[in-house]
Amino acid sequence: EVWLVNLPQKCLEVYRQPTANGYEIVQTFQRGETVAIQALPNITFTVDEILGD
């Protein structure tokens, strides 16, 4: 699992389930949304917390 903070687009990109050709799951989260670490689903963050003001 890889999280990429995309500052120009003000979003969080999450890449999961790597394969030889890339990642099976690619998700984009916007401000106001919540994301969890796949291995620790009870721990959540908001995109706002990650990006700051």
C-alpha atoms as a PDB file:
ATOM      1  CA  GLU A   1       0.000   0.000   0.000  1.00  0.00           C
ATOM      2  CA  VAL A   2       1.340   3.386  -1.044  1.00  0.00           C
ATOM      3  CA  TRP A   3      -0.083   6.800  -0.198  1.00  0.00           C
ATOM      4  CA  LEU A   4       0.847   9.725  -2.416  1.00  0.00           C
ATOM      5  CA  VAL A   5       0.030  13.226  -1.231  1.00  0.00           C
ATOM      6  CA  ASN A   6      -0.735  15.132  -4.413  1.00  0.00           C
ATOM      7  CA  LEU A   7      -0.225  18.747  -3.362  1.00  0.00           C
ATOM      8  CA  PRO A   8      -0.955  20.392  -6.745  1.00  0.00           C
ATOM      9  CA  GLN A   9      -4.329  18.593  -6.949  1.00  0.00           C
ATOM     10  CA  LYS A  10      -4.954  18.832  -3.167  1.00  0.00           C
ATOM     11  CA  CYS A  11      -5.851  15.168  -2.861  1.00  0.00           C
ATOM     12  CA  LEU A  12      -4.535  11.857  -1.566  1.00  0.00           C
ATOM     13  CA  GLU A  13      -3.887   8.975  -3.969  1.00  0.00           C
ATOM     14  CA  VAL A  14      -3.867   5.475  -2.484  1.00  0.00           C
ATOM     15  CA  TYR A  15      -2.357   2.554  -4.392  1.00  0.00           C
ATOM     16  CA  ARG A  16      -3.114  -0.982  -3.186  1.00  0.00           C
ATOM     17  CA  GLN A  17      -2.481  -4.560  -4.266  1.00  0.00           C
ATOM     18  CA  PRO A  18       0.681  -4.209  -6.351  1.00  0.00           C
ATOM     19  CA  THR A  19       1.113  -6.403  -9.415  1.00  0.00           C
ATOM     20  CA  ALA A  20       3.816  -6.738 -12.054  1.00  0.00           C
ATOM     21  CA  ASN A  21       1.925  -4.168 -14.161  1.00  0.00           C
ATOM     22  CA  GLY A  22       1.125  -1.598 -11.482  1.00  0.00           C
ATOM     23  CA  TYR A  23      -1.555  -1.558  -8.800  1.00  0.00           C
ATOM     24  CA  GLU A  24      -4.924  -3.311  -8.916  1.00  0.00           C
ATOM     25  CA  ILE A  25      -6.626  -0.662  -6.798  1.00  0.00           C
ATOM     26  CA  VAL A  26      -6.037   3.067  -7.226  1.00  0.00           C
ATOM     27  CA  GLN A  27      -8.226   5.434  -5.218  1.00  0.00           C
ATOM     28  CA  THR A  28      -8.283   9.218  -5.004  1.00  0.00           C
ATOM     29  CA  PHE A  29      -9.528  10.915  -1.846  1.00  0.00           C
ATOM     30  CA  GLN A  30     -10.514  14.580  -1.683  1.00  0.00           C
ATOM     31  CA  ARG A  31     -10.748  17.036   1.212  1.00  0.00           C
ATOM     32  CA  GLY A  32     -13.538  16.039   3.593  1.00  0.00           C
ATOM     33  CA  GLU A  33     -13.061  12.319   2.951  1.00  0.00           C
ATOM     34  CA  THR A  34     -11.661   9.732   5.351  1.00  0.00           C
ATOM     35  CA  VAL A  35      -9.099   7.052   4.556  1.00  0.00           C
ATOM     36  CA  ALA A  36      -7.817   4.058   6.543  1.00  0.00           C
ATOM     37  CA  ILE A  37      -4.607   2.094   6.372  1.00  0.00           C
ATOM     38  CA  GLN A  38      -5.484  -1.300   4.901  1.00  0.00           C
ATOM     39  CA  ALA A  39      -3.486  -3.224   7.544  1.00  0.00           C
ATOM     40  CA  LEU A  40      -4.977  -1.127  10.389  1.00  0.00           C
ATOM     41  CA  PRO A  41      -8.569  -0.363   9.364  1.00  0.00           C
ATOM     42  CA  ASN A  42      -9.502   1.043  12.788  1.00  0.00           C
ATOM     43  CA  ILE A  43      -7.020   3.895  12.322  1.00  0.00           C
ATOM     44  CA  THR A  44      -8.424   6.586  10.067  1.00  0.00           C
ATOM     45  CA  PHE A  45      -7.282   9.969   8.807  1.00  0.00           C
ATOM     46  CA  THR A  46      -9.090  12.705   6.973  1.00  0.00           C
ATOM     47  CA  VAL A  47      -7.536  14.149   3.859  1.00  0.00           C
ATOM     48  CA  ASP A  48      -7.737  17.533   5.582  1.00  0.00           C
ATOM     49  CA  GLU A  49      -5.532  16.240   8.427  1.00  0.00           C
ATOM     50  CA  ILE A  50      -2.954  15.014   5.928  1.00  0.00           C
ATOM     51  CA  LEU A  51      -2.938  18.104   3.697  1.00  0.00           C
ATOM     52  CA  GLY A  52      -3.222  20.660   6.477  1.00  0.00           C
ATOM     53  CA  ASP A  53      -4.507  24.148   5.797  1.00  0.00           C
END
